[in-house]
Amino acid sequence: MTEPLLRCATQRDIEGIANLLSSVFLYDGIPIVQTAEEIEEEFVAPHCTIEHDVMVVECEGSLAGVAYTYFLPSETKEERCYIFGGVLPQFRGRGFGSMLMDWATKHAEDLLNSTGRTLPKFIRADVSQQNESAARLFAKMGMRAVRYEEDLIRSLENIPEIRVPSEYTITTWDMARNEEARTVKNLAFDDHWGSTPTSSEMWLQLTQGSTARIGHSFFALNQKNEIVGLLLTHRFESDDELLGMKIGWIDKLATLAEHRKQSIGKNLLRHALSSYLSDGLTHAALTVDTQNPTGAYGLYESIGFSFFRGKVTFELFTAQTI
């Protein structure tokens, strides 16, 4: 039996990493097809580069596992570094996950300490609720479960009628106002757990990446033509055959705090569902923090969304060491 090789990833590994993650997600109860194009977009500065922030384990001539860090520096609230990755099922139980996590947590600490800021700093990792082996590994590394998220889904049969309130209008996303939309998102999410302001670079990736669907995304405008709410859609066609569904994913739904309780979120959702249906999609889905303080979970249930699958966020607080 050959010894495992822990090494930095290279551009040549992109396709292999995408295939590995697809297999890992399927086995762990989150069936998606991770494409090479999506991975390349993930491994882009400043948050993650394949040259410095991605590590793989090679065994028996093929990739057995991968880990990568995604660093989110911030000047407010907190700084976070996420760890993503996984080990193929046939290679589990051989210490590969520990090897990758040892590297990833040390690298995450170095990234967090590199800013020199005295904000709270956290290493976080998300895992499917079904992945008990990863949960045990995270606990062994000193991480604790701190948050639970659920993917909710609804069929596009019998979608609610669109309502047109007099106080504001719903319009299709206008890229000319993209920076204004980023500001609205940051303000709306300021009271959300684990959220810090989205940078211009990350916002461009979210709104112009290969999975973004601006034609199915919307603004809510008040009578002064100001953006007071938004809904950003992503689409993952590569998952259609595996899931047997064509899903429009609501990636961001945000309403400014002073404009909540006016059905803005509900009407943004209605427009999105109608838009998805007209394009031949079969379902809509989104991710929600089960402890969201705005009552989002109840809103989604009222529109007909129900549980699809869940994940757990593990966290490690790391003190600044500079």
C-alpha atoms as a PDB file:
ATOM      1  CA  MET A   1       0.000   0.000   0.000  1.00  0.00           C
ATOM      2  CA  THR A   2       1.426   3.369  -1.036  1.00  0.00           C
ATOM      3  CA  GLU A   3       1.967   6.123   1.492  1.00  0.00           C
ATOM      4  CA  PRO A   4      -0.414   9.086   1.180  1.00  0.00           C
ATOM      5  CA  LEU A   5       1.047  12.309  -0.203  1.00  0.00           C
ATOM      6  CA  LEU A   6      -0.107  15.635   1.234  1.00  0.00           C
ATOM      7  CA  ARG A   7       0.650  18.388  -1.276  1.00  0.00           C
ATOM      8  CA  CYS A   8      -0.459  21.793  -2.488  1.00  0.00           C
ATOM      9  CA  ALA A   9      -3.001  21.661  -5.266  1.00  0.00           C
ATOM     10  CA  THR A  10      -2.270  22.909  -8.761  1.00  0.00           C
ATOM     11  CA  GLN A  11      -4.359  24.060 -11.705  1.00  0.00           C
ATOM     12  CA  ARG A  12      -4.163  20.503 -13.090  1.00  0.00           C
ATOM     13  CA  ASP A  13      -6.156  19.258 -10.082  1.00  0.00           C
ATOM     14  CA  ILE A  14      -9.271  21.362 -10.750  1.00  0.00           C
ATOM     15  CA  GLU A  15     -11.256  18.680 -12.582  1.00  0.00           C
ATOM     16  CA  GLY A  16     -10.234  16.010 -10.065  1.00  0.00           C
ATOM     17  CA  ILE A  17     -11.213  18.198  -7.105  1.00  0.00           C
ATOM     18  CA  ALA A  18     -14.614  18.892  -8.664  1.00  0.00           C
ATOM     19  CA  ASN A  19     -15.245  15.162  -9.196  1.00  0.00           C
ATOM     20  CA  LEU A  20     -14.035  14.333  -5.672  1.00  0.00           C
ATOM     21  CA  LEU A  21     -16.342  16.896  -4.063  1.00  0.00           C
ATOM     22  CA  SER A  22     -19.306  15.675  -6.117  1.00  0.00           C
ATOM     23  CA  SER A  23     -18.730  12.152  -4.806  1.00  0.00           C
ATOM     24  CA  VAL A  24     -18.307  13.374  -1.227  1.00  0.00           C
ATOM     25  CA  PHE A  25     -21.467  15.488  -1.313  1.00  0.00           C
ATOM     26  CA  LEU A  26     -23.524  12.654  -2.777  1.00  0.00           C
ATOM     27  CA  TYR A  27     -22.329  10.183  -0.146  1.00  0.00           C
ATOM     28  CA  ASP A  28     -22.974  12.679   2.669  1.00  0.00           C
ATOM     29  CA  GLY A  29     -26.558  13.359   1.677  1.00  0.00           C
ATOM     30  CA  ILE A  30     -26.134  16.606  -0.286  1.00  0.00           C
ATOM     31  CA  PRO A  31     -26.395  15.406  -3.894  1.00  0.00           C
ATOM     32  CA  ILE A  32     -24.921  18.078  -6.163  1.00  0.00           C
ATOM     33  CA  VAL A  33     -22.625  18.044  -9.175  1.00  0.00           C
ATOM     34  CA  GLN A  34     -19.647  20.273  -8.466  1.00  0.00           C
ATOM     35  CA  THR A  35     -18.300  21.511 -11.799  1.00  0.00           C
ATOM     36  CA  ALA A  36     -14.745  22.509 -12.643  1.00  0.00           C
ATOM     37  CA  GLU A  37     -16.011  25.948 -13.686  1.00  0.00           C
ATOM     38  CA  GLU A  38     -17.556  26.529 -10.254  1.00  0.00           C
ATOM     39  CA  ILE A  39     -14.352  25.403  -8.535  1.00  0.00           C
ATOM     40  CA  GLU A  40     -12.231  27.737 -10.649  1.00  0.00           C
ATOM     41  CA  GLU A  41     -14.488  30.619  -9.670  1.00  0.00           C
ATOM     42  CA  GLU A  42     -14.155  29.613  -6.006  1.00  0.00           C
ATOM     43  CA  PHE A  43     -10.355  29.531  -6.162  1.00  0.00           C
ATOM     44  CA  VAL A  44      -9.915  33.201  -7.026  1.00  0.00           C
ATOM     45  CA  ALA A  45      -8.145  35.902  -5.010  1.00  0.00           C
ATOM     46  CA  PRO A  46      -8.454  37.490  -2.592  1.00  0.00           C
ATOM     47  CA  HIS A  47     -10.419  34.902  -0.591  1.00  0.00           C
ATOM     48  CA  CYS A  48      -8.891  31.660  -1.874  1.00  0.00           C
ATOM     49  CA  THR A  49      -6.143  30.839  -4.379  1.00  0.00           C
ATOM     50  CA  ILE A  50      -5.216  27.371  -5.539  1.00  0.00           C
ATOM     51  CA  GLU A  51      -1.505  28.147  -5.122  1.00  0.00           C
ATOM     52  CA  HIS A  52      -1.727  28.969  -1.400  1.00  0.00           C
ATOM     53  CA  ASP A  53      -5.065  27.896   0.068  1.00  0.00           C
ATOM     54  CA  VAL A  54      -5.856  24.424  -1.318  1.00  0.00           C
ATOM     55  CA  MET A  55      -4.326  21.131  -0.111  1.00  0.00           C
ATOM     56  CA  VAL A  56      -4.931  17.631  -1.445  1.00  0.00           C
ATOM     57  CA  VAL A  57      -4.131  14.099  -0.321  1.00  0.00           C
ATOM     58  CA  GLU A  58      -3.006  11.740  -3.054  1.00  0.00           C
ATOM     59  CA  CYS A  59      -3.185   7.984  -2.537  1.00  0.00           C
ATOM     60  CA  GLU A  60      -2.851   5.025  -4.872  1.00  0.00           C
ATOM     61  CA  GLY A  61      -2.358   7.334  -7.826  1.00  0.00           C
ATOM     62  CA  SER A  62      -5.489   9.462  -7.368  1.00  0.00           C
ATOM     63  CA  LEU A  63      -6.916  12.261  -5.261  1.00  0.00           C
ATOM     64  CA  ALA A  64      -8.332  10.928  -2.004  1.00  0.00           C
ATOM     65  CA  GLY A  65      -9.182  14.163  -0.205  1.00  0.00           C
ATOM     66  CA  VAL A  66      -9.068  17.940  -0.384  1.00  0.00           C
ATOM     67  CA  ALA A  67      -9.279  20.879   2.002  1.00  0.00           C
ATOM     68  CA  TYR A  68      -9.286  24.566   1.249  1.00  0.00           C
ATOM     69  CA  THR A  69      -9.699  27.764   3.210  1.00  0.00           C
ATOM     70  CA  TYR A  70     -11.947  30.683   2.284  1.00  0.00           C
ATOM     71  CA  PHE A  71     -10.888  33.820   4.127  1.00  0.00           C
ATOM     72  CA  LEU A  72     -13.346  36.666   4.791  1.00  0.00           C
ATOM     73  CA  PRO A  73     -11.454  39.616   6.296  1.00  0.00           C
ATOM     74  CA  SER A  74     -13.584  42.333   7.834  1.00  0.00           C
ATOM     75  CA  GLU A  75     -13.219  45.683   9.556  1.00  0.00           C
ATOM     76  CA  THR A  76     -16.397  45.215  11.592  1.00  0.00           C
ATOM     77  CA  LYS A  77     -17.978  42.633  13.942  1.00  0.00           C
ATOM     78  CA  GLU A  78     -15.683  39.648  13.364  1.00  0.00           C
ATOM     79  CA  GLU A  79     -13.309  37.964  10.925  1.00  0.00           C
ATOM     80  CA  ARG A  80     -13.963  34.466   9.590  1.00  0.00           C
ATOM     81  CA  CYS A  81     -12.081  31.790   7.729  1.00  0.00           C
ATOM     82  CA  TYR A  82     -14.086  28.845   6.429  1.00  0.00           C
ATOM     83  CA  ILE A  83     -12.719  25.362   5.795  1.00  0.00           C
ATOM     84  CA  PHE A  84     -14.231  23.305   2.983  1.00  0.00           C
ATOM     85  CA  GLY A  85     -13.415  19.899   1.536  1.00  0.00           C
ATOM     86  CA  GLY A  86     -13.802  16.209   2.171  1.00  0.00           C
ATOM     87  CA  VAL A  87     -12.365  12.714   1.835  1.00  0.00           C
ATOM     88  CA  LEU A  88     -13.707  10.071  -0.529  1.00  0.00           C
ATOM     89  CA  PRO A  89     -15.695   7.376   1.329  1.00  0.00           C
ATOM     90  CA  GLN A  90     -13.305   4.555   0.354  1.00  0.00           C
ATOM     91  CA  PHE A  91     -10.373   6.420   1.957  1.00  0.00           C
ATOM     92  CA  ARG A  92     -12.037   7.374   5.228  1.00  0.00           C
ATOM     93  CA  GLY A  93     -10.793   5.994   8.504  1.00  0.00           C
ATOM     94  CA  ARG A  94      -7.139   6.255   7.438  1.00  0.00           C
ATOM     95  CA  GLY A  95      -6.293   9.620   8.960  1.00  0.00           C
ATOM     96  CA  PHE A  96      -6.525  11.633   5.748  1.00  0.00           C
ATOM     97  CA  GLY A  97      -9.182  13.933   7.157  1.00  0.00           C
ATOM     98  CA  SER A  98      -7.015  14.665  10.193  1.00  0.00           C
ATOM     99  CA  MET A  99      -4.033  15.438   7.961  1.00  0.00           C
ATOM    100  CA  LEU A 100      -6.061  17.911   5.945  1.00  0.00           C
ATOM    101  CA  MET A 101      -7.703  19.512   8.978  1.00  0.00           C
ATOM    102  CA  ASP A 102      -4.353  19.915  10.772  1.00  0.00           C
ATOM    103  CA  TRP A 103      -3.093  21.898   7.789  1.00  0.00           C
ATOM    104  CA  ALA A 104      -6.342  23.810   7.248  1.00  0.00           C
ATOM    105  CA  THR A 105      -6.786  24.991  10.840  1.00  0.00           C
ATOM    106  CA  LYS A 106      -3.159  26.172  11.071  1.00  0.00           C
ATOM    107  CA  HIS A 107      -3.430  27.925   7.718  1.00  0.00           C
ATOM    108  CA  ALA A 108      -6.749  29.515   8.736  1.00  0.00           C
ATOM    109  CA  GLU A 109      -5.201  30.832  11.951  1.00  0.00           C
ATOM    110  CA  ASP A 110      -2.321  32.374   9.976  1.00  0.00           C
ATOM    111  CA  LEU A 111      -4.756  34.064   7.599  1.00  0.00           C
ATOM    112  CA  LEU A 112      -6.889  35.416  10.429  1.00  0.00           C
ATOM    113  CA  ASN A 113      -3.869  36.782  12.268  1.00  0.00           C
ATOM    114  CA  SER A 114      -2.437  38.359   9.114  1.00  0.00           C
ATOM    115  CA  THR A 115      -4.802  41.357   9.280  1.00  0.00           C
ATOM    116  CA  GLY A 116      -3.536  42.569  12.634  1.00  0.00           C
ATOM    117  CA  ARG A 117      -7.051  43.488  13.725  1.00  0.00           C
ATOM    118  CA  THR A 118      -8.321  42.853  17.245  1.00  0.00           C
ATOM    119  CA  LEU A 119     -11.815  41.746  16.170  1.00  0.00           C
ATOM    120  CA  PRO A 120     -13.074  38.308  17.265  1.00  0.00           C
ATOM    121  CA  LYS A 121     -11.728  35.677  14.881  1.00  0.00           C
ATOM    122  CA  PHE A 122     -13.392  32.377  14.020  1.00  0.00           C
ATOM    123  CA  ILE A 123     -12.617  29.281  11.996  1.00  0.00           C
ATOM    124  CA  ARG A 124     -15.839  27.705  10.733  1.00  0.00           C
ATOM    125  CA  ALA A 125     -16.803  24.629   8.744  1.00  0.00           C
ATOM    126  CA  ASP A 126     -20.171  23.422   7.476  1.00  0.00           C
ATOM    127  CA  VAL A 127     -21.115  19.768   7.302  1.00  0.00           C
ATOM    128  CA  SER A 128     -24.179  17.767   6.305  1.00  0.00           C
ATOM    129  CA  GLN A 129     -26.275  16.630   9.248  1.00  0.00           C
ATOM    130  CA  GLN A 130     -25.701  13.084   7.967  1.00  0.00           C
ATOM    131  CA  ASN A 131     -21.891  13.277   8.030  1.00  0.00           C
ATOM    132  CA  GLU A 132     -21.169  11.912  11.491  1.00  0.00           C
ATOM    133  CA  SER A 133     -17.495  11.168  10.768  1.00  0.00           C
ATOM    134  CA  ALA A 134     -16.779  14.818   9.911  1.00  0.00           C
ATOM    135  CA  ALA A 135     -18.670  15.953  13.011  1.00  0.00           C
ATOM    136  CA  ARG A 136     -16.484  13.687  15.157  1.00  0.00           C
ATOM    137  CA  LEU A 137     -13.332  15.009  13.471  1.00  0.00           C
ATOM    138  CA  PHE A 138     -14.356  18.632  14.024  1.00  0.00           C
ATOM    139  CA  ALA A 139     -15.063  17.904  17.683  1.00  0.00           C
ATOM    140  CA  LYS A 140     -11.646  16.272  17.977  1.00  0.00           C
ATOM    141  CA  MET A 141     -10.109  19.475  16.566  1.00  0.00           C
ATOM    142  CA  GLY A 142     -11.804  21.498  19.322  1.00  0.00           C
ATOM    143  CA  MET A 143     -14.628  22.818  17.176  1.00  0.00           C
ATOM    144  CA  ARG A 144     -18.198  22.948  18.439  1.00  0.00           C
ATOM    145  CA  ALA A 145     -21.563  22.977  16.697  1.00  0.00           C
ATOM    146  CA  VAL A 146     -22.925  26.531  16.886  1.00  0.00           C
ATOM    147  CA  ARG A 147     -25.551  26.921  14.163  1.00  0.00           C
ATOM    148  CA  TYR A 148     -27.984  24.900  12.103  1.00  0.00           C
ATOM    149  CA  GLU A 149     -29.088  25.728   8.582  1.00  0.00           C
ATOM    150  CA  GLU A 150     -31.719  24.092   6.426  1.00  0.00           C
ATOM    151  CA  ASP A 151     -32.258  24.016   2.709  1.00  0.00           C
ATOM    152  CA  LEU A 152     -35.959  24.523   2.034  1.00  0.00           C
ATOM    153  CA  ILE A 153     -37.700  23.682  -1.235  1.00  0.00           C
ATOM    154  CA  ARG A 154     -41.099  24.043  -2.888  1.00  0.00           C
ATOM    155  CA  SER A 155     -42.624  22.832  -6.120  1.00  0.00           C
ATOM    156  CA  LEU A 156     -43.628  25.511  -8.619  1.00  0.00           C
ATOM    157  CA  GLU A 157     -47.118  24.068  -8.802  1.00  0.00           C
ATOM    158  CA  ASN A 158     -49.819  26.348  -7.401  1.00  0.00           C
ATOM    159  CA  ILE A 159     -47.539  29.309  -6.816  1.00  0.00           C
ATOM    160  CA  PRO A 160     -49.077  32.332  -5.088  1.00  0.00           C
ATOM    161  CA  GLU A 161     -50.356  35.215  -7.197  1.00  0.00           C
ATOM    162  CA  ILE A 162     -48.175  38.299  -7.594  1.00  0.00           C
ATOM    163  CA  ARG A 163     -49.462  41.287  -5.645  1.00  0.00           C
ATOM    164  CA  VAL A 164     -48.651  44.866  -6.605  1.00  0.00           C
ATOM    165  CA  PRO A 165     -48.472  47.102  -3.508  1.00  0.00           C
ATOM    166  CA  SER A 166     -48.729  50.854  -3.938  1.00  0.00           C
ATOM    167  CA  GLU A 167     -45.840  51.687  -1.591  1.00  0.00           C
ATOM    168  CA  TYR A 168     -43.099  50.133  -3.719  1.00  0.00           C
ATOM    169  CA  THR A 169     -42.445  48.325  -7.000  1.00  0.00           C
ATOM    170  CA  ILE A 170     -40.639  45.104  -7.915  1.00  0.00           C
ATOM    171  CA  THR A 171     -38.271  45.390 -10.887  1.00  0.00           C
ATOM    172  CA  THR A 172     -35.748  43.107 -12.558  1.00  0.00           C
ATOM    173  CA  TRP A 173     -32.191  43.460 -11.267  1.00  0.00           C
ATOM    174  CA  ASP A 174     -30.301  46.347 -12.874  1.00  0.00           C
ATOM    175  CA  MET A 175     -26.540  45.765 -13.066  1.00  0.00           C
ATOM    176  CA  ALA A 176     -26.032  49.535 -13.351  1.00  0.00           C
ATOM    177  CA  ARG A 177     -27.171  49.663  -9.703  1.00  0.00           C
ATOM    178  CA  ASN A 178     -25.127  46.668  -8.566  1.00  0.00           C
ATOM    179  CA  GLU A 179     -22.995  48.601  -6.086  1.00  0.00           C
ATOM    180  CA  GLU A 180     -26.102  50.153  -4.548  1.00  0.00           C
ATOM    181  CA  ALA A 181     -27.516  46.635  -4.220  1.00  0.00           C
ATOM    182  CA  ARG A 182     -24.349  45.512  -2.402  1.00  0.00           C
ATOM    183  CA  THR A 183     -24.782  48.325   0.106  1.00  0.00           C
ATOM    184  CA  VAL A 184     -28.406  47.309   0.690  1.00  0.00           C
ATOM    185  CA  LYS A 185     -27.420  43.664   1.194  1.00  0.00           C
ATOM    186  CA  ASN A 186     -24.736  44.627   3.715  1.00  0.00           C
ATOM    187  CA  LEU A 187     -27.115  46.858   5.694  1.00  0.00           C
ATOM    188  CA  ALA A 188     -29.928  44.274   5.627  1.00  0.00           C
ATOM    189  CA  PHE A 189     -27.676  41.470   6.853  1.00  0.00           C
ATOM    190  CA  ASP A 190     -25.957  43.520   9.558  1.00  0.00           C
ATOM    191  CA  ASP A 191     -28.069  41.908  12.306  1.00  0.00           C
ATOM    192  CA  HIS A 192     -27.633  38.352  10.950  1.00  0.00           C
ATOM    193  CA  TRP A 193     -25.410  35.887  12.770  1.00  0.00           C
ATOM    194  CA  GLY A 194     -22.072  35.214  11.108  1.00  0.00           C
ATOM    195  CA  SER A 195     -22.480  37.912   8.470  1.00  0.00           C
ATOM    196  CA  THR A 196     -19.985  40.652   7.689  1.00  0.00           C
ATOM    197  CA  PRO A 197     -20.046  43.180   4.837  1.00  0.00           C
ATOM    198  CA  THR A 198     -19.587  41.637   1.394  1.00  0.00           C
ATOM    199  CA  SER A 199     -16.640  43.134  -0.477  1.00  0.00           C
ATOM    200  CA  SER A 200     -16.937  44.547  -3.989  1.00  0.00           C
ATOM    201  CA  GLU A 201     -14.871  41.640  -5.329  1.00  0.00           C
ATOM    202  CA  MET A 202     -17.063  38.995  -3.725  1.00  0.00           C
ATOM    203  CA  TRP A 203     -20.249  40.801  -4.783  1.00  0.00           C
ATOM    204  CA  LEU A 204     -19.107  40.767  -8.408  1.00  0.00           C
ATOM    205  CA  GLN A 205     -18.438  37.040  -8.088  1.00  0.00           C
ATOM    206  CA  LEU A 206     -21.917  36.491  -6.624  1.00  0.00           C
ATOM    207  CA  THR A 207     -23.717  38.577  -9.237  1.00  0.00           C
ATOM    208  CA  GLN A 208     -21.609  37.892 -12.347  1.00  0.00           C
ATOM    209  CA  GLY A 209     -20.385  34.334 -11.791  1.00  0.00           C
ATOM    210  CA  SER A 210     -21.410  31.408 -13.972  1.00  0.00           C
ATOM    211  CA  THR A 211     -24.326  30.421 -11.715  1.00  0.00           C
ATOM    212  CA  ALA A 212     -25.797  33.905 -11.215  1.00  0.00           C
ATOM    213  CA  ARG A 213     -29.120  34.509 -12.981  1.00  0.00           C
ATOM    214  CA  ILE A 214     -29.768  38.240 -13.034  1.00  0.00           C
ATOM    215  CA  GLY A 215     -32.786  37.741 -15.311  1.00  0.00           C
ATOM    216  CA  HIS A 216     -34.465  35.910 -12.416  1.00  0.00           C
ATOM    217  CA  SER A 217     -33.301  38.412  -9.761  1.00  0.00           C
ATOM    218  CA  PHE A 218     -35.212  41.437  -8.497  1.00  0.00           C
ATOM    219  CA  PHE A 219     -35.117  44.769  -6.660  1.00  0.00           C
ATOM    220  CA  ALA A 220     -37.844  46.244  -4.479  1.00  0.00           C
ATOM    221  CA  LEU A 221     -37.911  50.039  -4.981  1.00  0.00           C
ATOM    222  CA  ASN A 222     -39.634  52.599  -2.790  1.00  0.00           C
ATOM    223  CA  GLN A 223     -41.404  55.709  -4.118  1.00  0.00           C
ATOM    224  CA  LYS A 224     -38.051  57.543  -4.198  1.00  0.00           C
ATOM    225  CA  ASN A 225     -36.689  54.835  -6.526  1.00  0.00           C
ATOM    226  CA  GLU A 226     -34.316  53.605  -3.788  1.00  0.00           C
ATOM    227  CA  ILE A 227     -33.542  49.899  -3.428  1.00  0.00           C
ATOM    228  CA  VAL A 228     -35.086  48.710  -0.168  1.00  0.00           C
ATOM    229  CA  GLY A 229     -35.011  44.953  -0.843  1.00  0.00           C
ATOM    230  CA  LEU A 230     -33.487  42.455  -3.244  1.00  0.00           C
ATOM    231  CA  LEU A 231     -33.568  38.832  -4.330  1.00  0.00           C
ATOM    232  CA  LEU A 232     -30.582  37.243  -6.093  1.00  0.00           C
ATOM    233  CA  THR A 233     -31.025  33.957  -7.955  1.00  0.00           C
ATOM    234  CA  HIS A 234     -28.443  31.299  -8.782  1.00  0.00           C
ATOM    235  CA  ARG A 235     -28.961  28.282 -11.029  1.00  0.00           C
ATOM    236  CA  PHE A 236     -27.061  24.976 -11.094  1.00  0.00           C
ATOM    237  CA  GLU A 237     -28.038  23.152 -14.291  1.00  0.00           C
ATOM    238  CA  SER A 238     -25.448  20.464 -13.637  1.00  0.00           C
ATOM    239  CA  ASP A 239     -27.611  19.188 -10.746  1.00  0.00           C
ATOM    240  CA  ASP A 240     -30.808  18.749 -12.786  1.00  0.00           C
ATOM    241  CA  GLU A 241     -30.349  15.127 -13.840  1.00  0.00           C
ATOM    242  CA  LEU A 242     -29.030  14.000 -10.458  1.00  0.00           C
ATOM    243  CA  LEU A 243     -31.901  15.601  -8.539  1.00  0.00           C
ATOM    244  CA  GLY A 244     -34.598  15.043 -11.132  1.00  0.00           C
ATOM    245  CA  MET A 245     -35.585  18.701 -10.677  1.00  0.00           C
ATOM    246  CA  LYS A 246     -34.810  22.062 -12.234  1.00  0.00           C
ATOM    247  CA  ILE A 247     -34.235  24.352  -9.275  1.00  0.00           C
ATOM    248  CA  GLY A 248     -33.973  28.117  -9.043  1.00  0.00           C
ATOM    249  CA  TRP A 249     -31.854  28.841  -5.963  1.00  0.00           C
ATOM    250  CA  ILE A 250     -32.605  32.003  -4.012  1.00  0.00           C
ATOM    251  CA  ASP A 251     -29.074  32.911  -2.973  1.00  0.00           C
ATOM    252  CA  LYS A 252     -29.858  36.246  -1.277  1.00  0.00           C
ATOM    253  CA  LEU A 253     -33.139  37.680  -0.010  1.00  0.00           C
ATOM    254  CA  ALA A 254     -32.714  40.963   1.839  1.00  0.00           C
ATOM    255  CA  THR A 255     -34.945  43.769   3.096  1.00  0.00           C
ATOM    256  CA  LEU A 256     -33.675  46.862   4.879  1.00  0.00           C
ATOM    257  CA  ALA A 257     -34.627  46.732   8.567  1.00  0.00           C
ATOM    258  CA  GLU A 258     -36.757  49.883   8.434  1.00  0.00           C
ATOM    259  CA  HIS A 259     -38.821  48.421   5.575  1.00  0.00           C
ATOM    260  CA  ARG A 260     -39.549  45.002   7.084  1.00  0.00           C
ATOM    261  CA  LYS A 261     -43.070  43.862   7.975  1.00  0.00           C
ATOM    262  CA  GLN A 262     -44.395  45.314   4.699  1.00  0.00           C
ATOM    263  CA  SER A 263     -44.478  42.035   2.711  1.00  0.00           C
ATOM    264  CA  ILE A 264     -41.486  43.093   0.597  1.00  0.00           C
ATOM    265  CA  GLY A 265     -39.731  39.742   1.031  1.00  0.00           C
ATOM    266  CA  LYS A 266     -42.935  37.863   0.305  1.00  0.00           C
ATOM    267  CA  ASN A 267     -43.549  39.801  -2.910  1.00  0.00           C
ATOM    268  CA  LEU A 268     -39.958  39.392  -4.055  1.00  0.00           C
ATOM    269  CA  LEU A 269     -40.436  35.647  -3.566  1.00  0.00           C
ATOM    270  CA  ARG A 270     -43.689  35.661  -5.528  1.00  0.00           C
ATOM    271  CA  HIS A 271     -41.974  37.400  -8.463  1.00  0.00           C
ATOM    272  CA  ALA A 272     -39.092  34.925  -8.369  1.00  0.00           C
ATOM    273  CA  LEU A 273     -41.378  31.880  -8.313  1.00  0.00           C
ATOM    274  CA  SER A 274     -43.357  33.224 -11.260  1.00  0.00           C
ATOM    275  CA  SER A 275     -40.144  33.945 -13.155  1.00  0.00           C
ATOM    276  CA  TYR A 276     -38.797  30.439 -12.519  1.00  0.00           C
ATOM    277  CA  LEU A 277     -42.041  28.841 -13.658  1.00  0.00           C
ATOM    278  CA  SER A 278     -42.107  30.851 -16.885  1.00  0.00           C
ATOM    279  CA  ASP A 279     -38.595  29.588 -17.677  1.00  0.00           C
ATOM    280  CA  GLY A 280     -39.576  25.929 -17.278  1.00  0.00           C
ATOM    281  CA  LEU A 281     -38.078  25.346 -13.843  1.00  0.00           C
ATOM    282  CA  THR A 282     -39.818  22.891 -11.527  1.00  0.00           C
ATOM    283  CA  HIS A 283     -38.755  23.989  -8.028  1.00  0.00           C
ATOM    284  CA  ALA A 284     -37.408  26.859  -5.966  1.00  0.00           C
ATOM    285  CA  ALA A 285     -35.030  26.417  -3.039  1.00  0.00           C
ATOM    286  CA  LEU A 286     -33.118  28.478  -0.498  1.00  0.00           C
ATOM    287  CA  THR A 287     -31.002  28.156   2.631  1.00  0.00           C
ATOM    288  CA  VAL A 288     -32.162  29.561   5.964  1.00  0.00           C
ATOM    289  CA  ASP A 289     -30.558  29.920   9.368  1.00  0.00           C
ATOM    290  CA  THR A 290     -33.004  28.193  11.708  1.00  0.00           C
ATOM    291  CA  GLN A 291     -32.324  30.931  14.299  1.00  0.00           C
ATOM    292  CA  ASN A 292     -32.702  33.862  11.893  1.00  0.00           C
ATOM    293  CA  PRO A 293     -33.916  36.842  13.984  1.00  0.00           C
ATOM    294  CA  THR A 294     -36.124  38.345  11.239  1.00  0.00           C
ATOM    295  CA  GLY A 295     -38.690  35.541  11.171  1.00  0.00           C
ATOM    296  CA  ALA A 296     -37.492  34.373   7.768  1.00  0.00           C
ATOM    297  CA  TYR A 297     -38.275  30.710   8.454  1.00  0.00           C
ATOM    298  CA  GLY A 298     -41.942  31.476   9.028  1.00  0.00           C
ATOM    299  CA  LEU A 299     -42.036  33.618   5.881  1.00  0.00           C
ATOM    300  CA  TYR A 300     -40.741  30.769   3.747  1.00  0.00           C
ATOM    301  CA  GLU A 301     -43.167  28.288   5.264  1.00  0.00           C
ATOM    302  CA  SER A 302     -46.051  30.677   4.521  1.00  0.00           C
ATOM    303  CA  ILE A 303     -45.033  30.655   0.847  1.00  0.00           C
ATOM    304  CA  GLY A 304     -45.009  26.843   0.775  1.00  0.00           C
ATOM    305  CA  PHE A 305     -41.351  25.962   1.352  1.00  0.00           C
ATOM    306  CA  SER A 306     -40.543  22.839   3.381  1.00  0.00           C
ATOM    307  CA  PHE A 307     -37.468  20.952   4.608  1.00  0.00           C
ATOM    308  CA  PHE A 308     -35.123  19.552   1.965  1.00  0.00           C
ATOM    309  CA  ARG A 309     -31.843  18.874   3.785  1.00  0.00           C
ATOM    310  CA  GLY A 310     -29.773  20.316   6.626  1.00  0.00           C
ATOM    311  CA  LYS A 311     -26.251  21.186   7.658  1.00  0.00           C
ATOM    312  CA  VAL A 312     -24.396  22.140  10.833  1.00  0.00           C
ATOM    313  CA  THR A 313     -21.831  24.911  11.284  1.00  0.00           C
ATOM    314  CA  PHE A 314     -18.890  24.065  13.539  1.00  0.00           C
ATOM    315  CA  GLU A 315     -16.740  26.820  14.975  1.00  0.00           C
ATOM    316  CA  LEU A 316     -13.343  27.338  16.584  1.00  0.00           C
ATOM    317  CA  PHE A 317     -12.559  30.673  18.227  1.00  0.00           C
ATOM    318  CA  THR A 318      -8.963  31.621  17.644  1.00  0.00           C
ATOM    319  CA  ALA A 319      -7.272  34.360  19.671  1.00  0.00           C
ATOM    320  CA  GLN A 320      -4.978  36.789  17.921  1.00  0.00           C
ATOM    321  CA  THR A 321      -1.354  35.807  18.394  1.00  0.00           C
ATOM    322  CA  ILE A 322       0.617  38.668  16.837  1.00  0.00           C
END
